PDB file of N, CA and C in Angstrom:
ATOM      1  N   GLN A   1      -1.737  20.709   5.072  1.00  0.00           N
ATOM      2  CA  GLN A   1      -1.490  19.832   3.823  1.00  0.00           C
ATOM      3  C   GLN A   1      -0.768  18.573   4.249  1.00  0.00           C
ATOM      4  N   VAL A   2      -1.591  17.372   3.758  1.00  0.00           N
ATOM      5  CA  VAL A   2      -0.897  16.008   4.149  1.00  0.00           C
ATOM      6  C   VAL A   2       0.195  15.631   3.189  1.00  0.00           C
ATOM      7  N   HIS A   3       1.155  15.155   3.710  1.00  0.00           N
ATOM      8  CA  HIS A   3       2.083  14.462   2.817  1.00  0.00           C
ATOM      9  C   HIS A   3       2.357  12.984   3.161  1.00  0.00           C
ATOM     10  N   LEU A   4       2.522  12.261   2.277  1.00  0.00           N
ATOM     11  CA  LEU A   4       2.711  10.801   2.359  1.00  0.00           C
ATOM     12  C   LEU A   4       3.988  10.247   1.812  1.00  0.00           C
ATOM     13  N   VAL A   5       4.700   9.554   2.565  1.00  0.00           N
ATOM     14  CA  VAL A   5       6.044   8.952   2.334  1.00  0.00           C
ATOM     15  C   VAL A   5       6.070   7.464   2.348  1.00  0.00           C
ATOM     16  N   GLU A   6       6.267   6.807   1.332  1.00  0.00           N
ATOM     17  CA  GLU A   6       6.282   5.211   1.391  1.00  0.00           C
ATOM     18  C   GLU A   6       7.828   4.692   1.729  1.00  0.00           C
ATOM     19  N   SER A   7       7.897   3.502   2.230  1.00  0.00           N
ATOM     20  CA  SER A   7       9.122   2.807   2.391  1.00  0.00           C
ATOM     21  C   SER A   7       8.919   1.456   2.318  1.00  0.00           C
ATOM     22  N   GLY A   8       9.955   0.650   2.160  1.00  0.00           N
ATOM     23  CA  GLY A   8       9.715  -0.829   2.233  1.00  0.00           C
ATOM     24  C   GLY A   8       9.820  -1.617   0.923  1.00  0.00           C
ATOM     25  N   GLY A   9       9.870  -0.984  -0.049  1.00  0.00           N
ATOM     26  CA  GLY A   9       9.903  -1.720  -1.353  1.00  0.00           C
ATOM     27  C   GLY A   9      11.299  -2.342  -1.663  1.00  0.00           C
ATOM     28  N   GLY A  10      11.382  -3.155  -2.621  1.00  0.00           N
ATOM     29  CA  GLY A  10      12.646  -3.682  -2.941  1.00  0.00           C
ATOM     30  C   GLY A  10      12.383  -5.012  -3.971  1.00  0.00           C
ATOM     31  N   LEU A  11      13.460  -5.650  -3.899  1.00  0.00           N
ATOM     32  CA  LEU A  11      13.352  -6.843  -4.894  1.00  0.00           C
ATOM     33  C   LEU A  11      13.311  -8.089  -3.808  1.00  0.00           C
ATOM     34  N   VAL A  12      12.369  -8.934  -4.378  1.00  0.00           N
ATOM     35  CA  VAL A  12      12.112 -10.183  -3.579  1.00  0.00           C
ATOM     36  C   VAL A  12      11.897 -11.342  -4.548  1.00  0.00           C
ATOM     37  N   GLN A  13      12.211 -12.559  -4.055  1.00  0.00           N
ATOM     38  CA  GLN A  13      11.922 -13.678  -4.908  1.00  0.00           C
ATOM     39  C   GLN A  13      10.599 -14.155  -4.855  1.00  0.00           C
ATOM     40  N   PRO A  14       9.985 -14.806  -5.759  1.00  0.00           N
ATOM     41  CA  PRO A  14       8.661 -15.394  -5.772  1.00  0.00           C
ATOM     42  C   PRO A  14       8.336 -16.143  -4.404  1.00  0.00           C
ATOM     43  N   GLY A  15       7.287 -16.045  -3.901  1.00  0.00           N
ATOM     44  CA  GLY A  15       6.962 -16.615  -2.501  1.00  0.00           C
ATOM     45  C   GLY A  15       7.397 -15.927  -1.408  1.00  0.00           C
ATOM     46  N   GLY A  16       8.238 -14.934  -1.497  1.00  0.00           N
ATOM     47  CA  GLY A  16       8.816 -14.033  -0.365  1.00  0.00           C
ATOM     48  C   GLY A  16       7.733 -13.073   0.083  1.00  0.00           C
ATOM     49  N   SER A  17       8.110 -12.255   1.093  1.00  0.00           N
ATOM     50  CA  SER A  17       7.283 -11.304   1.686  1.00  0.00           C
ATOM     51  C   SER A  17       8.098  -9.925   1.780  1.00  0.00           C
ATOM     52  N   LEU A  18       7.199  -8.939   1.920  1.00  0.00           N
ATOM     53  CA  LEU A  18       7.698  -7.655   1.930  1.00  0.00           C
ATOM     54  C   LEU A  18       6.646  -6.847   2.919  1.00  0.00           C
ATOM     55  N   ARG A  19       7.089  -5.803   3.465  1.00  0.00           N
ATOM     56  CA  ARG A  19       6.183  -4.937   4.377  1.00  0.00           C
ATOM     57  C   ARG A  19       6.336  -3.426   3.953  1.00  0.00           C
ATOM     58  N   LEU A  20       5.308  -2.974   3.356  1.00  0.00           N
ATOM     59  CA  LEU A  20       5.424  -1.648   2.997  1.00  0.00           C
ATOM     60  C   LEU A  20       4.882  -0.690   4.068  1.00  0.00           C
ATOM     61  N   SER A  21       5.489   0.555   4.152  1.00  0.00           N
ATOM     62  CA  SER A  21       5.030   1.394   5.309  1.00  0.00           C
ATOM     63  C   SER A  21       4.765   2.804   4.602  1.00  0.00           C
ATOM     64  N   CYS A  22       3.829   3.483   5.188  1.00  0.00           N
ATOM     65  CA  CYS A  22       3.558   4.753   4.623  1.00  0.00           C
ATOM     66  C   CYS A  22       3.318   5.798   5.880  1.00  0.00           C
ATOM     67  N   ALA A  23       4.187   6.850   5.866  1.00  0.00           N
ATOM     68  CA  ALA A  23       4.129   7.904   6.974  1.00  0.00           C
ATOM     69  C   ALA A  23       3.425   9.112   6.567  1.00  0.00           C
ATOM     70  N   ALA A  24       2.487   9.596   7.230  1.00  0.00           N
ATOM     71  CA  ALA A  24       1.781  10.654   6.886  1.00  0.00           C
ATOM     72  C   ALA A  24       2.122  11.873   7.845  1.00  0.00           C
ATOM     73  N   SER A  25       2.218  12.947   7.388  1.00  0.00           N
ATOM     74  CA  SER A  25       2.563  14.347   8.129  1.00  0.00           C
ATOM     75  C   SER A  25       1.544  15.347   7.702  1.00  0.00           C
ATOM     76  N   GLY A  26       1.272  16.185   8.684  1.00  0.00           N
ATOM     77  CA  GLY A  26       0.443  17.138   8.415  1.00  0.00           C
ATOM     78  C   GLY A  26      -1.077  16.788   8.247  1.00  0.00           C
ATOM     79  N   GLY A  27      -2.111  17.572   8.426  1.00  0.00           N
ATOM     80  CA  GLY A  27      -3.412  17.362   8.113  1.00  0.00           C
ATOM     81  C   GLY A  27      -4.073  16.279   9.059  1.00  0.00           C
ATOM     82  N   ILE A  28      -5.256  16.018   8.682  1.00  0.00           N
ATOM     83  CA  ILE A  28      -6.036  14.994   9.508  1.00  0.00           C
ATOM     84  C   ILE A  28      -5.852  13.610   8.912  1.00  0.00           C
ATOM     85  N   PHE A  29      -5.714  12.551   9.828  1.00  0.00           N
ATOM     86  CA  PHE A  29      -5.326  11.190   9.297  1.00  0.00           C
ATOM     87  C   PHE A  29      -6.537  10.194   9.795  1.00  0.00           C
ATOM     88  N   SER A  30      -6.632  10.278  11.069  1.00  0.00           N
ATOM     89  CA  SER A  30      -7.354   9.118  11.609  1.00  0.00           C
ATOM     90  C   SER A  30      -8.959   8.902  11.004  1.00  0.00           C
ATOM     91  N   ILE A  31      -9.591  10.019  10.668  1.00  0.00           N
ATOM     92  CA  ILE A  31     -10.994   9.751  10.276  1.00  0.00           C
ATOM     93  C   ILE A  31     -11.116   9.546   8.821  1.00  0.00           C
ATOM     94  N   TYR A  32      -9.902   9.478   8.099  1.00  0.00           N
ATOM     95  CA  TYR A  32     -10.098   9.177   6.632  1.00  0.00           C
ATOM     96  C   TYR A  32      -9.693   7.848   6.198  1.00  0.00           C
ATOM     97  N   ALA A  33     -10.203   7.471   5.185  1.00  0.00           N
ATOM     98  CA  ALA A  33      -9.808   6.077   4.561  1.00  0.00           C
ATOM     99  C   ALA A  33      -8.346   6.249   3.977  1.00  0.00           C
ATOM    100  N   VAL A  34      -7.643   5.291   4.219  1.00  0.00           N
ATOM    101  CA  VAL A  34      -6.217   5.093   3.596  1.00  0.00           C
ATOM    102  C   VAL A  34      -6.066   3.836   2.694  1.00  0.00           C
ATOM    103  N   GLY A  35      -5.129   3.823   2.023  1.00  0.00           N
ATOM    104  CA  GLY A  35      -4.967   2.673   1.217  1.00  0.00           C
ATOM    105  C   GLY A  35      -3.840   2.476   0.483  1.00  0.00           C
ATOM    106  N   TRP A  36      -3.614   1.408  -0.393  1.00  0.00           N
ATOM    107  CA  TRP A  36      -2.480   1.214  -1.255  1.00  0.00           C
ATOM    108  C   TRP A  36      -2.972   0.840  -2.660  1.00  0.00           C
ATOM    109  N   TYR A  37      -2.398   1.548  -3.659  1.00  0.00           N
ATOM    110  CA  TYR A  37      -2.685   1.192  -5.073  1.00  0.00           C
ATOM    111  C   TYR A  37      -1.287   0.783  -5.740  1.00  0.00           C
ATOM    112  N   ARG A  38      -1.434   0.314  -6.947  1.00  0.00           N
ATOM    113  CA  ARG A  38      -0.142  -0.087  -7.686  1.00  0.00           C
ATOM    114  C   ARG A  38      -0.397   0.228  -8.965  1.00  0.00           C
ATOM    115  N   GLN A  39       0.724   0.357  -9.628  1.00  0.00           N
ATOM    116  CA  GLN A  39       0.742   0.581 -11.060  1.00  0.00           C
ATOM    117  C   GLN A  39       1.940  -0.248 -11.811  1.00  0.00           C
ATOM    118  N   ALA A  40       1.676  -1.268 -12.694  1.00  0.00           N
ATOM    119  CA  ALA A  40       2.630  -2.024 -13.360  1.00  0.00           C
ATOM    120  C   ALA A  40       2.972  -1.248 -14.653  1.00  0.00           C
ATOM    121  N   PRO A  41       4.123  -1.431 -15.223  1.00  0.00           N
ATOM    122  CA  PRO A  41       4.483  -0.798 -16.504  1.00  0.00           C
ATOM    123  C   PRO A  41       3.469  -1.152 -17.520  1.00  0.00           C
ATOM    124  N   GLY A  42       2.881   0.114 -18.184  1.00  0.00           N
ATOM    125  CA  GLY A  42       1.939  -0.215 -19.293  1.00  0.00           C
ATOM    126  C   GLY A  42       0.575  -0.446 -18.979  1.00  0.00           C
ATOM    127  N   LYS A  43       0.217  -0.513 -17.515  1.00  0.00           N
ATOM    128  CA  LYS A  43      -1.085  -0.619 -17.088  1.00  0.00           C
ATOM    129  C   LYS A  43      -1.610   0.532 -16.251  1.00  0.00           C
ATOM    130  N   GLN A  44      -2.865   0.589 -16.029  1.00  0.00           N
ATOM    131  CA  GLN A  44      -3.382   1.608 -15.191  1.00  0.00           C
ATOM    132  C   GLN A  44      -3.216   1.373 -13.765  1.00  0.00           C
ATOM    133  N   ARG A  45      -3.325   2.419 -12.947  1.00  0.00           N
ATOM    134  CA  ARG A  45      -3.126   2.303 -11.530  1.00  0.00           C
ATOM    135  C   ARG A  45      -4.401   1.575 -10.944  1.00  0.00           C
ATOM    136  N   GLU A  46      -4.150   0.499 -10.030  1.00  0.00           N
ATOM    137  CA  GLU A  46      -5.277  -0.193  -9.630  1.00  0.00           C
ATOM    138  C   GLU A  46      -5.212  -0.364  -8.106  1.00  0.00           C
ATOM    139  N   LEU A  47      -6.418  -0.514  -7.582  1.00  0.00           N
ATOM    140  CA  LEU A  47      -6.627  -0.692  -6.065  1.00  0.00           C
ATOM    141  C   LEU A  47      -5.986  -1.960  -5.645  1.00  0.00           C
ATOM    142  N   VAL A  48      -5.260  -1.904  -4.467  1.00  0.00           N
ATOM    143  CA  VAL A  48      -4.715  -3.034  -3.762  1.00  0.00           C
ATOM    144  C   VAL A  48      -5.568  -3.224  -2.651  1.00  0.00           C
ATOM    145  N   ALA A  49      -5.598  -2.310  -1.656  1.00  0.00           N
ATOM    146  CA  ALA A  49      -6.278  -2.501  -0.454  1.00  0.00           C
ATOM    147  C   ALA A  49      -6.595  -1.060   0.185  1.00  0.00           C
ATOM    148  N   THR A  50      -7.737  -1.047   0.688  1.00  0.00           N
ATOM    149  CA  THR A  50      -8.081   0.207   1.454  1.00  0.00           C
ATOM    150  C   THR A  50      -8.562  -0.219   2.927  1.00  0.00           C
ATOM    151  N   MET A  51      -8.474   0.816   3.880  1.00  0.00           N
ATOM    152  CA  MET A  51      -9.148   0.712   5.092  1.00  0.00           C
ATOM    153  C   MET A  51      -9.837   2.020   5.489  1.00  0.00           C
ATOM    154  N   SER A  52     -11.065   2.002   5.919  1.00  0.00           N
ATOM    155  CA  SER A  52     -11.811   3.078   6.300  1.00  0.00           C
ATOM    156  C   SER A  52     -11.320   3.525   7.597  1.00  0.00           C
ATOM    157  N   GLY A  53     -11.726   4.764   8.043  1.00  0.00           N
ATOM    158  CA  GLY A  53     -11.460   5.434   9.229  1.00  0.00           C
ATOM    159  C   GLY A  53     -11.873   4.479  10.499  1.00  0.00           C
ATOM    160  N   ASP A  54     -12.876   3.578  10.230  1.00  0.00           N
ATOM    161  CA  ASP A  54     -13.363   2.834  11.381  1.00  0.00           C
ATOM    162  C   ASP A  54     -12.864   1.342  11.170  1.00  0.00           C
ATOM    163  N   GLY A  55     -12.043   1.223  10.162  1.00  0.00           N
ATOM    164  CA  GLY A  55     -11.255  -0.176  10.274  1.00  0.00           C
ATOM    165  C   GLY A  55     -11.834  -1.097   9.220  1.00  0.00           C
ATOM    166  N   ARG A  56     -12.825  -0.896   8.463  1.00  0.00           N
ATOM    167  CA  ARG A  56     -13.225  -1.703   7.408  1.00  0.00           C
ATOM    168  C   ARG A  56     -12.249  -1.885   6.319  1.00  0.00           C
ATOM    169  N   THR A  57     -12.161  -3.068   5.817  1.00  0.00           N
ATOM    170  CA  THR A  57     -11.085  -3.258   4.742  1.00  0.00           C
ATOM    171  C   THR A  57     -11.606  -3.692   3.461  1.00  0.00           C
ATOM    172  N   ASN A  58     -10.919  -3.346   2.511  1.00  0.00           N
ATOM    173  CA  ASN A  58     -11.440  -3.902   1.072  1.00  0.00           C
ATOM    174  C   ASN A  58     -10.000  -4.193   0.371  1.00  0.00           C
ATOM    175  N   TYR A  59      -9.977  -5.379  -0.340  1.00  0.00           N
ATOM    176  CA  TYR A  59      -8.891  -5.973  -1.032  1.00  0.00           C
ATOM    177  C   TYR A  59      -9.251  -6.315  -2.526  1.00  0.00           C
ATOM    178  N   ALA A  60      -8.308  -6.041  -3.332  1.00  0.00           N
ATOM    179  CA  ALA A  60      -8.444  -6.644  -4.576  1.00  0.00           C
ATOM    180  C   ALA A  60      -8.375  -8.101  -4.682  1.00  0.00           C
ATOM    181  N   ASP A  61      -9.278  -8.712  -5.484  1.00  0.00           N
ATOM    182  CA  ASP A  61      -9.373 -10.203  -5.507  1.00  0.00           C
ATOM    183  C   ASP A  61      -7.880 -10.739  -5.634  1.00  0.00           C
ATOM    184  N   SER A  62      -7.120 -10.238  -6.401  1.00  0.00           N
ATOM    185  CA  SER A  62      -5.721 -10.738  -6.687  1.00  0.00           C
ATOM    186  C   SER A  62      -4.936 -10.789  -5.535  1.00  0.00           C
ATOM    187  N   VAL A  63      -5.285 -10.168  -4.425  1.00  0.00           N
ATOM    188  CA  VAL A  63      -4.210 -10.068  -3.318  1.00  0.00           C
ATOM    189  C   VAL A  63      -4.914 -10.650  -2.083  1.00  0.00           C
ATOM    190  N   LYS A  64      -6.347 -10.978  -2.076  1.00  0.00           N
ATOM    191  CA  LYS A  64      -7.011 -11.430  -0.989  1.00  0.00           C
ATOM    192  C   LYS A  64      -6.257 -12.706  -0.460  1.00  0.00           C
ATOM    193  N   GLY A  65      -6.119 -12.770   0.825  1.00  0.00           N
ATOM    194  CA  GLY A  65      -5.463 -14.029   1.503  1.00  0.00           C
ATOM    195  C   GLY A  65      -3.964 -13.919   1.537  1.00  0.00           C
ATOM    196  N   ARG A  66      -3.356 -12.851   0.868  1.00  0.00           N
ATOM    197  CA  ARG A  66      -1.838 -12.854   0.787  1.00  0.00           C
ATOM    198  C   ARG A  66      -1.468 -11.530   1.356  1.00  0.00           C
ATOM    199  N   PHE A  67      -2.165 -10.410   1.205  1.00  0.00           N
ATOM    200  CA  PHE A  67      -1.909  -9.073   1.660  1.00  0.00           C
ATOM    201  C   PHE A  67      -2.642  -8.708   2.826  1.00  0.00           C
ATOM    202  N   THR A  68      -2.099  -7.893   3.685  1.00  0.00           N
ATOM    203  CA  THR A  68      -2.861  -7.420   4.872  1.00  0.00           C
ATOM    204  C   THR A  68      -2.514  -5.887   5.097  1.00  0.00           C
ATOM    205  N   ILE A  69      -3.619  -5.085   5.092  1.00  0.00           N
ATOM    206  CA  ILE A  69      -3.373  -3.660   5.323  1.00  0.00           C
ATOM    207  C   ILE A  69      -3.696  -3.453   6.801  1.00  0.00           C
ATOM    208  N   SER A  70      -2.873  -2.518   7.304  1.00  0.00           N
ATOM    209  CA  SER A  70      -3.217  -2.062   8.768  1.00  0.00           C
ATOM    210  C   SER A  70      -2.680  -0.519   8.881  1.00  0.00           C
ATOM    211  N   ARG A  71      -3.344   0.061   9.987  1.00  0.00           N
ATOM    212  CA  ARG A  71      -2.990   1.405  10.292  1.00  0.00           C
ATOM    213  C   ARG A  71      -2.719   1.685  11.676  1.00  0.00           C
ATOM    214  N   ASP A  72      -2.059   2.677  12.046  1.00  0.00           N
ATOM    215  CA  ASP A  72      -1.602   3.180  13.416  1.00  0.00           C
ATOM    216  C   ASP A  72      -2.050   4.648  13.244  1.00  0.00           C
ATOM    217  N   ASN A  73      -3.283   4.864  13.956  1.00  0.00           N
ATOM    218  CA  ASN A  73      -3.696   6.387  13.892  1.00  0.00           C
ATOM    219  C   ASN A  73      -2.815   7.306  14.743  1.00  0.00           C
ATOM    220  N   VAL A  74      -2.199   6.751  15.881  1.00  0.00           N
ATOM    221  CA  VAL A  74      -1.408   7.628  16.793  1.00  0.00           C
ATOM    222  C   VAL A  74      -0.150   7.936  15.985  1.00  0.00           C
ATOM    223  N   LYS A  75       0.544   7.093  15.294  1.00  0.00           N
ATOM    224  CA  LYS A  75       1.704   7.290  14.625  1.00  0.00           C
ATOM    225  C   LYS A  75       1.486   7.801  13.136  1.00  0.00           C
ATOM    226  N   LYS A  76       0.396   7.732  12.776  1.00  0.00           N
ATOM    227  CA  LYS A  76      -0.080   8.289  11.453  1.00  0.00           C
ATOM    228  C   LYS A  76       0.632   7.399  10.324  1.00  0.00           C
ATOM    229  N   MET A  77       0.538   5.995  10.509  1.00  0.00           N
ATOM    230  CA  MET A  77       1.138   5.087   9.653  1.00  0.00           C
ATOM    231  C   MET A  77       0.205   4.160   9.103  1.00  0.00           C
ATOM    232  N   VAL A  78       0.492   3.839   7.680  1.00  0.00           N
ATOM    233  CA  VAL A  78      -0.332   2.692   7.173  1.00  0.00           C
ATOM    234  C   VAL A  78       0.778   1.636   6.644  1.00  0.00           C
ATOM    235  N   HIS A  79       0.441   0.417   6.976  1.00  0.00           N
ATOM    236  CA  HIS A  79       1.398  -0.684   6.432  1.00  0.00           C
ATOM    237  C   HIS A  79       0.520  -1.551   5.567  1.00  0.00           C
ATOM    238  N   LEU A  80       1.344  -2.250   4.601  1.00  0.00           N
ATOM    239  CA  LEU A  80       0.910  -3.249   3.760  1.00  0.00           C
ATOM    240  C   LEU A  80       1.878  -4.624   3.909  1.00  0.00           C
ATOM    241  N   GLN A  81       1.316  -5.594   4.520  1.00  0.00           N
ATOM    242  CA  GLN A  81       2.010  -6.771   4.621  1.00  0.00           C
ATOM    243  C   GLN A  81       1.788  -7.548   3.401  1.00  0.00           C
ATOM    244  N   MET A  82       2.881  -7.980   2.785  1.00  0.00           N
ATOM    245  CA  MET A  82       2.560  -8.766   1.464  1.00  0.00           C
ATOM    246  C   MET A  82       3.356 -10.113   1.583  1.00  0.00           C
ATOM    247  N   ASN A  83       2.570 -11.184   1.546  1.00  0.00           N
ATOM    248  CA  ASN A  83       3.127 -12.618   1.732  1.00  0.00           C
ATOM    249  C   ASN A  83       2.767 -13.308   0.397  1.00  0.00           C
ATOM    250  N   GLY A  84       3.599 -14.220   0.162  1.00  0.00           N
ATOM    251  CA  GLY A  84       3.256 -15.121  -1.025  1.00  0.00           C
ATOM    252  C   GLY A  84       3.305 -14.274  -2.402  1.00  0.00           C
ATOM    253  N   LEU A  85       4.404 -13.480  -2.509  1.00  0.00           N
ATOM    254  CA  LEU A  85       4.386 -12.433  -3.551  1.00  0.00           C
ATOM    255  C   LEU A  85       4.769 -13.375  -4.882  1.00  0.00           C
ATOM    256  N   LYS A  86       4.125 -12.734  -5.901  1.00  0.00           N
ATOM    257  CA  LYS A  86       4.227 -13.417  -7.214  1.00  0.00           C
ATOM    258  C   LYS A  86       4.779 -12.298  -8.145  1.00  0.00           C
ATOM    259  N   PRO A  87       5.306 -12.656  -9.277  1.00  0.00           N
ATOM    260  CA  PRO A  87       5.774 -11.887 -10.301  1.00  0.00           C
ATOM    261  C   PRO A  87       4.991 -10.872 -10.752  1.00  0.00           C
ATOM    262  N   GLU A  88       3.684 -11.248 -10.857  1.00  0.00           N
ATOM    263  CA  GLU A  88       2.605 -10.296 -11.323  1.00  0.00           C
ATOM    264  C   GLU A  88       2.313  -9.200 -10.184  1.00  0.00           C
ATOM    265  N   ASP A  89       2.830  -9.306  -9.070  1.00  0.00           N
ATOM    266  CA  ASP A  89       2.729  -8.352  -8.048  1.00  0.00           C
ATOM    267  C   ASP A  89       3.724  -7.153  -8.352  1.00  0.00           C
ATOM    268  N   THR A  90       4.641  -7.339  -9.175  1.00  0.00           N
ATOM    269  CA  THR A  90       5.616  -6.318  -9.602  1.00  0.00           C
ATOM    270  C   THR A  90       4.961  -4.961 -10.015  1.00  0.00           C
ATOM    271  N   ALA A  91       5.394  -3.830  -9.332  1.00  0.00           N
ATOM    272  CA  ALA A  91       4.600  -2.729  -9.657  1.00  0.00           C
ATOM    273  C   ALA A  91       5.109  -1.518  -8.787  1.00  0.00           C
ATOM    274  N   VAL A  92       4.815  -0.306  -9.052  1.00  0.00           N
ATOM    275  CA  VAL A  92       5.097   0.761  -8.074  1.00  0.00           C
ATOM    276  C   VAL A  92       3.976   0.962  -7.213  1.00  0.00           C
ATOM    277  N   TYR A  93       4.133   0.824  -6.013  1.00  0.00           N
ATOM    278  CA  TYR A  93       3.186   0.816  -4.924  1.00  0.00           C
ATOM    279  C   TYR A  93       2.995   2.212  -4.273  1.00  0.00           C
ATOM    280  N   TYR A  94       1.643   2.678  -4.350  1.00  0.00           N
ATOM    281  CA  TYR A  94       1.411   3.940  -3.938  1.00  0.00           C
ATOM    282  C   TYR A  94       0.486   3.982  -2.689  1.00  0.00           C
ATOM    283  N   CYS A  95       0.806   4.830  -1.773  1.00  0.00           N
ATOM    284  CA  CYS A  95      -0.006   5.105  -0.467  1.00  0.00           C
ATOM    285  C   CYS A  95      -0.974   6.169  -0.795  1.00  0.00           C
ATOM    286  N   TRP A  96      -2.145   6.008  -0.318  1.00  0.00           N
ATOM    287  CA  TRP A  96      -3.240   6.888  -0.601  1.00  0.00           C
ATOM    288  C   TRP A  96      -3.985   7.270   0.644  1.00  0.00           C
ATOM    289  N   ARG A  97      -4.353   8.676   0.722  1.00  0.00           N
ATOM    290  CA  ARG A  97      -5.434   8.960   1.782  1.00  0.00           C
ATOM    291  C   ARG A  97      -6.497   9.760   1.037  1.00  0.00           C
ATOM    292  N   TYR A  98      -7.704   9.366   1.528  1.00  0.00           N
ATOM    293  CA  TYR A  98      -8.975  10.070   0.958  1.00  0.00           C
ATOM    294  C   TYR A  98      -8.830  11.464   0.932  1.00  0.00           C
ATOM    295  N   SER A  99      -9.130  12.284   0.035  1.00  0.00           N
ATOM    296  CA  SER A  99      -9.647  11.801  -1.214  1.00  0.00           C
ATOM    297  C   SER A  99      -8.694  11.666  -2.349  1.00  0.00           C
ATOM    298  N   ASP A 100      -7.845  12.581  -2.423  1.00  0.00           N
ATOM    299  CA  ASP A 100      -6.705  12.606  -3.550  1.00  0.00           C
ATOM    300  C   ASP A 100      -5.418  12.868  -3.006  1.00  0.00           C
ATOM    301  N   VAL A 101      -4.893  12.328  -2.001  1.00  0.00           N
ATOM    302  CA  VAL A 101      -3.553  12.443  -1.480  1.00  0.00           C
ATOM    303  C   VAL A 101      -2.716  11.277  -1.818  1.00  0.00           C
ATOM    304  N   TRP A 102      -1.553  11.321  -2.320  1.00  0.00           N
ATOM    305  CA  TRP A 102      -0.863  10.284  -2.875  1.00  0.00           C
ATOM    306  C   TRP A 102       0.680  10.427  -2.364  1.00  0.00           C
ATOM    307  N   GLY A 103       1.261   9.313  -2.165  1.00  0.00           N
ATOM    308  CA  GLY A 103       2.770   9.351  -1.993  1.00  0.00           C
ATOM    309  C   GLY A 103       3.359   9.300  -3.281  1.00  0.00           C
ATOM    310  N   GLN A 104       4.740   9.302  -3.099  1.00  0.00           N
ATOM    311  CA  GLN A 104       5.570   9.260  -4.481  1.00  0.00           C
ATOM    312  C   GLN A 104       5.688   7.833  -4.963  1.00  0.00           C
ATOM    313  N   GLY A 105       5.591   6.882  -4.185  1.00  0.00           N
ATOM    314  CA  GLY A 105       5.484   5.561  -4.635  1.00  0.00           C
ATOM    315  C   GLY A 105       6.750   4.707  -4.281  1.00  0.00           C
ATOM    316  N   THR A 106       6.656   3.473  -4.234  1.00  0.00           N
ATOM    317  CA  THR A 106       7.929   2.693  -3.899  1.00  0.00           C
ATOM    318  C   THR A 106       7.934   1.383  -4.830  1.00  0.00           C
ATOM    319  N   GLN A 107       9.058   0.997  -5.435  1.00  0.00           N
ATOM    320  CA  GLN A 107       9.067  -0.118  -6.417  1.00  0.00           C
ATOM    321  C   GLN A 107       9.104  -1.483  -5.635  1.00  0.00           C
ATOM    322  N   VAL A 108       8.229  -2.310  -6.077  1.00  0.00           N
ATOM    323  CA  VAL A 108       8.351  -3.685  -5.671  1.00  0.00           C
ATOM    324  C   VAL A 108       8.418  -4.642  -6.792  1.00  0.00           C
ATOM    325  N   THR A 109       9.595  -5.295  -6.825  1.00  0.00           N
ATOM    326  CA  THR A 109      10.035  -6.211  -7.884  1.00  0.00           C
ATOM    327  C   THR A 109       9.999  -7.636  -7.422  1.00  0.00           C
ATOM    328  N   VAL A 110       9.219  -8.470  -8.050  1.00  0.00           N
ATOM    329  CA  VAL A 110       9.146 -10.057  -7.608  1.00  0.00           C
ATOM    330  C   VAL A 110       9.766 -10.749  -8.769  1.00  0.00           C
ATOM    331  N   SER A 111      10.968 -11.337  -8.520  1.00  0.00           N
ATOM    332  CA  SER A 111      11.672 -11.867  -9.543  1.00  0.00           C
ATOM    333  C   SER A 111      12.717 -12.977  -8.931  1.00  0.00           C
ATOM    334  N   SER A 112      13.003 -14.047  -9.596  1.00  0.00           N
ATOM    335  CA  SER A 112      14.132 -14.894  -9.197  1.00  0.00           C
ATOM    336  C   SER A 112      15.394 -14.555  -9.863  1.00  0.00           C
TER     337      SER A 112
END
């Protein structure tokens, strides 16, 4: 059974940067797609970025050019580098592994 644990969330000012990390334990990691989703208060969970097992990426339009997803299959890690953060990026960010494996989430708050 795969477990995902996120880290790296916090409070940052608009325009700032954060790097989220997700550590996977157990199960198979390298061949599966992984990604990040987020959920803001009162809103549905939405896709932020995904990366397939062979490295293809997909980003939400709202984060293209600002966020970068990466993975380390040896360490079983997924990262999300977030630059140029905006208040509307405030949400709980969840790590995901295909097909239905989720972390517990980490809070990102963008505020001055």
